[in-house]
PDB file of N, CA and C in Angstrom:
ATOM      1  N   MET A   1     -35.792   8.006 -17.761  1.00  0.00           N
ATOM      2  CA  MET A   1     -34.292   8.757 -18.011  1.00  0.00           C
ATOM      3  C   MET A   1     -33.888   9.263 -16.648  1.00  0.00           C
ATOM      4  N   ILE A   2     -34.400   8.881 -15.763  1.00  0.00           N
ATOM      5  CA  ILE A   2     -33.870   9.400 -14.277  1.00  0.00           C
ATOM      6  C   ILE A   2     -33.563   7.925 -14.079  1.00  0.00           C
ATOM      7  N   PRO A   3     -34.022   7.922 -13.477  1.00  0.00           N
ATOM      8  CA  PRO A   3     -33.997   5.631 -12.933  1.00  0.00           C
ATOM      9  C   PRO A   3     -32.773   5.240 -13.469  1.00  0.00           C
ATOM     10  N   ALA A   4     -32.394   5.430 -14.910  1.00  0.00           N
ATOM     11  CA  ALA A   4     -30.696   4.918 -15.810  1.00  0.00           C
ATOM     12  C   ALA A   4     -29.673   5.974 -14.922  1.00  0.00           C
ATOM     13  N   PHE A   5     -29.699   7.552 -14.992  1.00  0.00           N
ATOM     14  CA  PHE A   5     -29.009   8.075 -14.841  1.00  0.00           C
ATOM     15  C   PHE A   5     -28.421   7.951 -13.122  1.00  0.00           C
ATOM     16  N   PHE A   6     -29.903   7.260 -11.594  1.00  0.00           N
ATOM     17  CA  PHE A   6     -28.769   7.135 -10.922  1.00  0.00           C
ATOM     18  C   PHE A   6     -28.582   5.920 -10.936  1.00  0.00           C
ATOM     19  N   SER A   7     -29.567   4.877 -11.324  1.00  0.00           N
ATOM     20  CA  SER A   7     -28.152   3.259 -11.679  1.00  0.00           C
ATOM     21  C   SER A   7     -27.360   3.577 -12.003  1.00  0.00           C
ATOM     22  N   THR A   8     -26.572   4.126 -13.028  1.00  0.00           N
ATOM     23  CA  THR A   8     -25.017   4.679 -12.998  1.00  0.00           C
ATOM     24  C   THR A   8     -24.708   5.621 -12.340  1.00  0.00           C
ATOM     25  N   TRP A   9     -25.467   6.081 -10.744  1.00  0.00           N
ATOM     26  CA  TRP A   9     -24.811   6.924 -10.463  1.00  0.00           C
ATOM     27  C   TRP A   9     -24.316   6.427  -9.304  1.00  0.00           C
ATOM     28  N   VAL A  10     -25.452   5.973  -9.428  1.00  0.00           N
ATOM     29  CA  VAL A  10     -24.965   4.818  -7.105  1.00  0.00           C
ATOM     30  C   VAL A  10     -23.513   2.736  -7.922  1.00  0.00           C
ATOM     31  N   ALA A  11     -23.802   3.234  -9.923  1.00  0.00           N
ATOM     32  CA  ALA A  11     -22.715   1.783  -9.415  1.00  0.00           C
ATOM     33  C   ALA A  11     -21.285   3.004  -9.793  1.00  0.00           C
ATOM     34  N   LEU A  12     -21.070   4.352  -9.730  1.00  0.00           N
ATOM     35  CA  LEU A  12     -19.995   5.193  -9.739  1.00  0.00           C
ATOM     36  C   LEU A  12     -20.017   4.959  -8.451  1.00  0.00           C
ATOM     37  N   VAL A  13     -20.512   5.158  -7.313  1.00  0.00           N
ATOM     38  CA  VAL A  13     -20.347   5.893  -5.778  1.00  0.00           C
ATOM     39  C   VAL A  13     -20.110   4.323  -5.431  1.00  0.00           C
ATOM     40  N   ARG A  14     -19.734   3.295  -5.736  1.00  0.00           N
ATOM     41  CA  ARG A  14     -20.097   1.664  -5.496  1.00  0.00           C
ATOM     42  C   ARG A  14     -18.237   1.505  -5.723  1.00  0.00           C
ATOM     43  N   SER A  15     -18.206   1.990  -7.005  1.00  0.00           N
ATOM     44  CA  SER A  15     -16.656   1.358  -8.002  1.00  0.00           C
ATOM     45  C   SER A  15     -16.021   2.164  -6.939  1.00  0.00           C
ATOM     46  N   LEU A  16     -15.839   3.617  -6.366  1.00  0.00           N
ATOM     47  CA  LEU A  16     -14.748   5.153  -5.847  1.00  0.00           C
ATOM     48  C   LEU A  16     -15.335   4.373  -4.597  1.00  0.00           C
ATOM     49  N   THR A  17     -15.978   4.255  -3.100  1.00  0.00           N
ATOM     50  CA  THR A  17     -16.120   3.705  -2.317  1.00  0.00           C
ATOM     51  C   THR A  17     -15.099   2.374  -2.280  1.00  0.00           C
ATOM     52  N   ALA A  18     -15.450   1.175  -3.235  1.00  0.00           N
ATOM     53  CA  ALA A  18     -15.713  -0.090  -2.412  1.00  0.00           C
ATOM     54  C   ALA A  18     -13.538  -0.257  -2.537  1.00  0.00           C
ATOM     55  N   PRO A  19     -13.390   0.068  -3.545  1.00  0.00           N
ATOM     56  CA  PRO A  19     -11.591  -0.294  -3.095  1.00  0.00           C
ATOM     57  C   PRO A  19     -10.964   1.302  -1.602  1.00  0.00           C
ATOM     58  N   THR A  20     -11.677   2.090  -0.989  1.00  0.00           N
ATOM     59  CA  THR A  20     -11.398   2.535  -0.183  1.00  0.00           C
ATOM     60  C   THR A  20     -11.894   1.770   0.988  1.00  0.00           C
ATOM     61  N   SER A  21     -12.933   1.250   1.123  1.00  0.00           N
ATOM     62  CA  SER A  21     -13.363   0.316   2.186  1.00  0.00           C
ATOM     63  C   SER A  21     -12.110  -0.837   2.501  1.00  0.00           C
ATOM     64  N   ARG A  22     -12.147  -1.308   1.531  1.00  0.00           N
ATOM     65  CA  ARG A  22     -10.778  -2.325   1.431  1.00  0.00           C
ATOM     66  C   ARG A  22      -9.929  -2.041   2.273  1.00  0.00           C
ATOM     67  N   ARG A  23      -8.912  -0.927   1.426  1.00  0.00           N
ATOM     68  CA  ARG A  23      -7.881  -0.356   1.770  1.00  0.00           C
ATOM     69  C   ARG A  23      -7.515   0.052   3.757  1.00  0.00           C
ATOM     70  N   ARG A  24      -9.225   0.610   3.829  1.00  0.00           N
ATOM     71  CA  ARG A  24      -9.819   1.130   5.613  1.00  0.00           C
ATOM     72  C   ARG A  24      -9.022  -0.623   6.489  1.00  0.00           C
ATOM     73  N   ASP A  25     -10.133  -1.594   5.648  1.00  0.00           N
ATOM     74  CA  ASP A  25      -9.580  -2.800   6.410  1.00  0.00           C
ATOM     75  C   ASP A  25      -7.284  -3.040   6.196  1.00  0.00           C
ATOM     76  N   ASP A  26      -7.300  -3.248   5.167  1.00  0.00           N
ATOM     77  CA  ASP A  26      -5.743  -3.245   5.140  1.00  0.00           C
ATOM     78  C   ASP A  26      -5.103  -2.734   6.159  1.00  0.00           C
ATOM     79  N   GLU A  27      -6.147  -1.853   6.582  1.00  0.00           N
ATOM     80  CA  GLU A  27      -4.920  -0.820   7.193  1.00  0.00           C
ATOM     81  C   GLU A  27      -4.863  -0.700   8.429  1.00  0.00           C
ATOM     82  N   ARG A  28      -5.853  -1.457   9.035  1.00  0.00           N
ATOM     83  CA  ARG A  28      -6.163  -1.068  10.233  1.00  0.00           C
ATOM     84  C   ARG A  28      -5.571  -1.638  11.624  1.00  0.00           C
ATOM     85  N   GLY A  29      -4.280  -2.155  11.748  1.00  0.00           N
ATOM     86  CA  GLY A  29      -3.795  -2.449  12.367  1.00  0.00           C
ATOM     87  C   GLY A  29      -2.531  -1.183  12.426  1.00  0.00           C
ATOM     88  N   GLN A  30      -2.445  -0.305  11.487  1.00  0.00           N
ATOM     89  CA  GLN A  30      -1.373   0.882  11.386  1.00  0.00           C
ATOM     90  C   GLN A  30      -1.447   1.482  11.802  1.00  0.00           C
ATOM     91  N   GLY A  31      -2.350   2.176  12.887  1.00  0.00           N
ATOM     92  CA  GLY A  31      -2.277   3.127  13.776  1.00  0.00           C
ATOM     93  C   GLY A  31      -2.278   2.732  14.759  1.00  0.00           C
ATOM     94  N   LEU A  32      -2.422   1.743  15.763  1.00  0.00           N
ATOM     95  CA  LEU A  32      -1.703   1.492  16.643  1.00  0.00           C
ATOM     96  C   LEU A  32      -0.043   0.598  16.502  1.00  0.00           C
ATOM     97  N   VAL A  33       0.514   0.732  15.148  1.00  0.00           N
ATOM     98  CA  VAL A  33       1.140   0.928  15.082  1.00  0.00           C
ATOM     99  C   VAL A  33       2.045   2.003  15.069  1.00  0.00           C
ATOM    100  N   GLU A  34       1.962   3.049  14.667  1.00  0.00           N
ATOM    101  CA  GLU A  34       2.342   4.505  15.461  1.00  0.00           C
ATOM    102  C   GLU A  34       2.283   4.689  16.716  1.00  0.00           C
ATOM    103  N   TYR A  35       0.537   3.847  16.963  1.00  0.00           N
ATOM    104  CA  TYR A  35       1.087   4.426  18.350  1.00  0.00           C
ATOM    105  C   TYR A  35       2.110   3.936  19.280  1.00  0.00           C
ATOM    106  N   GLY A  36       2.192   2.426  19.026  1.00  0.00           N
ATOM    107  CA  GLY A  36       3.653   2.114  19.394  1.00  0.00           C
ATOM    108  C   GLY A  36       4.862   2.777  18.731  1.00  0.00           C
ATOM    109  N   LEU A  37       4.479   2.599  17.985  1.00  0.00           N
ATOM    110  CA  LEU A  37       6.290   4.008  17.845  1.00  0.00           C
ATOM    111  C   LEU A  37       6.666   5.177  17.925  1.00  0.00           C
ATOM    112  N   ILE A  38       6.333   5.849  18.286  1.00  0.00           N
ATOM    113  CA  ILE A  38       5.460   6.967  19.841  1.00  0.00           C
ATOM    114  C   ILE A  38       6.090   6.220  20.701  1.00  0.00           C
ATOM    115  N   ILE A  39       5.466   5.409  21.392  1.00  0.00           N
ATOM    116  CA  ILE A  39       5.562   5.049  22.652  1.00  0.00           C
ATOM    117  C   ILE A  39       6.861   4.851  22.927  1.00  0.00           C
ATOM    118  N   ILE A  40       7.489   4.289  22.214  1.00  0.00           N
ATOM    119  CA  ILE A  40       9.254   3.288  22.033  1.00  0.00           C
ATOM    120  C   ILE A  40       9.976   4.610  21.791  1.00  0.00           C
ATOM    121  N   LEU A  41       9.766   5.622  20.904  1.00  0.00           N
ATOM    122  CA  LEU A  41      10.720   7.164  20.633  1.00  0.00           C
ATOM    123  C   LEU A  41      10.151   8.083  22.232  1.00  0.00           C
ATOM    124  N   ILE A  42       9.940   8.538  22.902  1.00  0.00           N
ATOM    125  CA  ILE A  42       8.975   8.802  23.828  1.00  0.00           C
ATOM    126  C   ILE A  42      10.156   7.973  25.115  1.00  0.00           C
ATOM    127  N   ALA A  43       9.890   6.653  24.728  1.00  0.00           N
ATOM    128  CA  ALA A  43      10.868   5.823  26.059  1.00  0.00           C
ATOM    129  C   ALA A  43      12.297   6.118  25.780  1.00  0.00           C
ATOM    130  N   ILE A  44      12.380   6.100  24.645  1.00  0.00           N
ATOM    131  CA  ILE A  44      14.405   6.170  24.524  1.00  0.00           C
ATOM    132  C   ILE A  44      14.522   7.433  25.050  1.00  0.00           C
ATOM    133  N   PHE A  45      13.895   8.677  24.681  1.00  0.00           N
ATOM    134  CA  PHE A  45      13.799   9.992  24.926  1.00  0.00           C
ATOM    135  C   PHE A  45      14.145  10.004  26.521  1.00  0.00           C
ATOM    136  N   VAL A  46      13.268   9.245  27.679  1.00  0.00           N
ATOM    137  CA  VAL A  46      13.259   9.576  28.543  1.00  0.00           C
ATOM    138  C   VAL A  46      14.372   8.654  29.134  1.00  0.00           C
ATOM    139  N   ILE A  47      14.949   7.814  29.415  1.00  0.00           N
ATOM    140  CA  ILE A  47      15.894   6.893  29.205  1.00  0.00           C
ATOM    141  C   ILE A  47      17.362   7.562  28.930  1.00  0.00           C
ATOM    142  N   VAL A  48      17.061   8.482  27.174  1.00  0.00           N
ATOM    143  CA  VAL A  48      18.378   8.885  27.476  1.00  0.00           C
ATOM    144  C   VAL A  48      18.476  10.510  28.738  1.00  0.00           C
ATOM    145  N   VAL A  49      17.636  10.936  28.550  1.00  0.00           N
ATOM    146  CA  VAL A  49      17.640  12.500  29.373  1.00  0.00           C
ATOM    147  C   VAL A  49      17.665  11.950  31.248  1.00  0.00           C
ATOM    148  N   VAL A  50      17.416  10.848  31.321  1.00  0.00           N
ATOM    149  CA  VAL A  50      17.335  10.172  33.386  1.00  0.00           C
ATOM    150  C   VAL A  50      18.906   9.892  33.233  1.00  0.00           C
ATOM    151  N   GLY A  51      18.775   9.544  31.669  1.00  0.00           N
ATOM    152  CA  GLY A  51      20.626   8.695  32.333  1.00  0.00           C
ATOM    153  C   GLY A  51      22.456  10.319  31.970  1.00  0.00           C
ATOM    154  N   VAL A  52      21.144  11.205  31.378  1.00  0.00           N
ATOM    155  CA  VAL A  52      22.536  12.386  31.303  1.00  0.00           C
ATOM    156  C   VAL A  52      21.617  13.821  32.596  1.00  0.00           C
ATOM    157  N   MET A  53      20.386  13.397  33.077  1.00  0.00           N
ATOM    158  CA  MET A  53      20.445  15.001  33.624  1.00  0.00           C
ATOM    159  C   MET A  53      20.468  13.972  34.694  1.00  0.00           C
ATOM    160  N   GLY A  54      20.515  12.595  35.023  1.00  0.00           N
ATOM    161  CA  GLY A  54      20.532  11.819  36.687  1.00  0.00           C
ATOM    162  C   GLY A  54      21.445  11.968  37.367  1.00  0.00           C
ATOM    163  N   HIS A  55      22.586  11.992  37.426  1.00  0.00           N
ATOM    164  CA  HIS A  55      23.392  12.563  37.966  1.00  0.00           C
ATOM    165  C   HIS A  55      23.954  13.905  38.452  1.00  0.00           C
ATOM    166  N   GLN A  56      22.981  14.946  37.638  1.00  0.00           N
ATOM    167  CA  GLN A  56      23.352  16.464  38.297  1.00  0.00           C
ATOM    168  C   GLN A  56      22.305  16.233  39.276  1.00  0.00           C
ATOM    169  N   THR A  57      20.754  16.149  38.903  1.00  0.00           N
ATOM    170  CA  THR A  57      19.775  15.814  39.850  1.00  0.00           C
ATOM    171  C   THR A  57      19.915  15.411  40.721  1.00  0.00           C
ATOM    172  N   ASN A  58      20.806  14.269  41.340  1.00  0.00           N
ATOM    173  CA  ASN A  58      21.115  13.061  42.697  1.00  0.00           C
ATOM    174  C   ASN A  58      21.778  14.441  42.769  1.00  0.00           C
ATOM    175  N   ASN A  59      22.435  15.526  42.893  1.00  0.00           N
ATOM    176  CA  ASN A  59      23.667  15.980  43.222  1.00  0.00           C
ATOM    177  C   ASN A  59      23.129  17.055  43.488  1.00  0.00           C
ATOM    178  N   VAL A  60      21.983  18.320  42.490  1.00  0.00           N
ATOM    179  CA  VAL A  60      21.038  19.275  43.722  1.00  0.00           C
ATOM    180  C   VAL A  60      19.661  18.645  45.179  1.00  0.00           C
ATOM    181  N   PHE A  61      19.488  17.695  44.949  1.00  0.00           N
ATOM    182  CA  PHE A  61      18.958  16.840  45.142  1.00  0.00           C
ATOM    183  C   PHE A  61      19.645  16.595  47.093  1.00  0.00           C
ATOM    184  N   SER A  62      20.936  16.136  46.592  1.00  0.00           N
ATOM    185  CA  SER A  62      22.154  16.355  47.529  1.00  0.00           C
ATOM    186  C   SER A  62      22.267  17.180  48.031  1.00  0.00           C
ATOM    187  N   ASN A  63      22.199  18.705  47.439  1.00  0.00           N
ATOM    188  CA  ASN A  63      23.099  19.746  48.366  1.00  0.00           C
ATOM    189  C   ASN A  63      21.407  20.433  48.883  1.00  0.00           C
ATOM    190  N   VAL A  64      20.223  20.165  47.912  1.00  0.00           N
ATOM    191  CA  VAL A  64      19.763  20.506  48.886  1.00  0.00           C
ATOM    192  C   VAL A  64      19.119  19.715  50.625  1.00  0.00           C
ATOM    193  N   SER A  65      18.757  18.714  50.819  1.00  0.00           N
ATOM    194  CA  SER A  65      19.253  17.819  51.743  1.00  0.00           C
ATOM    195  C   SER A  65      20.388  18.063  52.478  1.00  0.00           C
ATOM    196  N   ASN A  66      21.604  18.523  51.817  1.00  0.00           N
ATOM    197  CA  ASN A  66      22.333  18.971  53.407  1.00  0.00           C
ATOM    198  C   ASN A  66      22.305  19.993  53.587  1.00  0.00           C
ATOM    199  N   GLY A  67      21.993  21.589  53.011  1.00  0.00           N
ATOM    200  CA  GLY A  67      21.115  22.143  53.130  1.00  0.00           C
ATOM    201  C   GLY A  67      20.967  22.338  54.425  1.00  0.00           C
ATOM    202  N   LEU A  68      19.394  21.681  54.085  1.00  0.00           N
ATOM    203  CA  LEU A  68      18.401  21.573  54.878  1.00  0.00           C
ATOM    204  C   LEU A  68      18.696  20.590  56.176  1.00  0.00           C
ATOM    205  N   SER A  69      19.593  20.008  55.835  1.00  0.00           N
ATOM    206  CA  SER A  69      20.308  19.006  57.823  1.00  0.00           C
ATOM    207  C   SER A  69      20.829  20.183  58.289  1.00  0.00           C
ATOM    208  N   ALA A  70      21.992  20.806  57.975  1.00  0.00           N
ATOM    209  CA  ALA A  70      22.693  21.981  59.182  1.00  0.00           C
ATOM    210  C   ALA A  70      22.602  23.066  58.721  1.00  0.00           C
TER     211      ALA A  70
END
């Protein structure tokens, strides 16, 4: 009685875990793509911020430099 129950249990566990292991193999590169997209979005954000704030930052540093020179 116990071996039959055990073999049924093992078969059930194998059937439930088999699709999971296949799915993991199919989604292996998904994490890398997600990290790449995050890096691209951060790079775009930095470029936009530097483009918008660049002139203002340059003016601040120029004023500080001129103040130190005088």
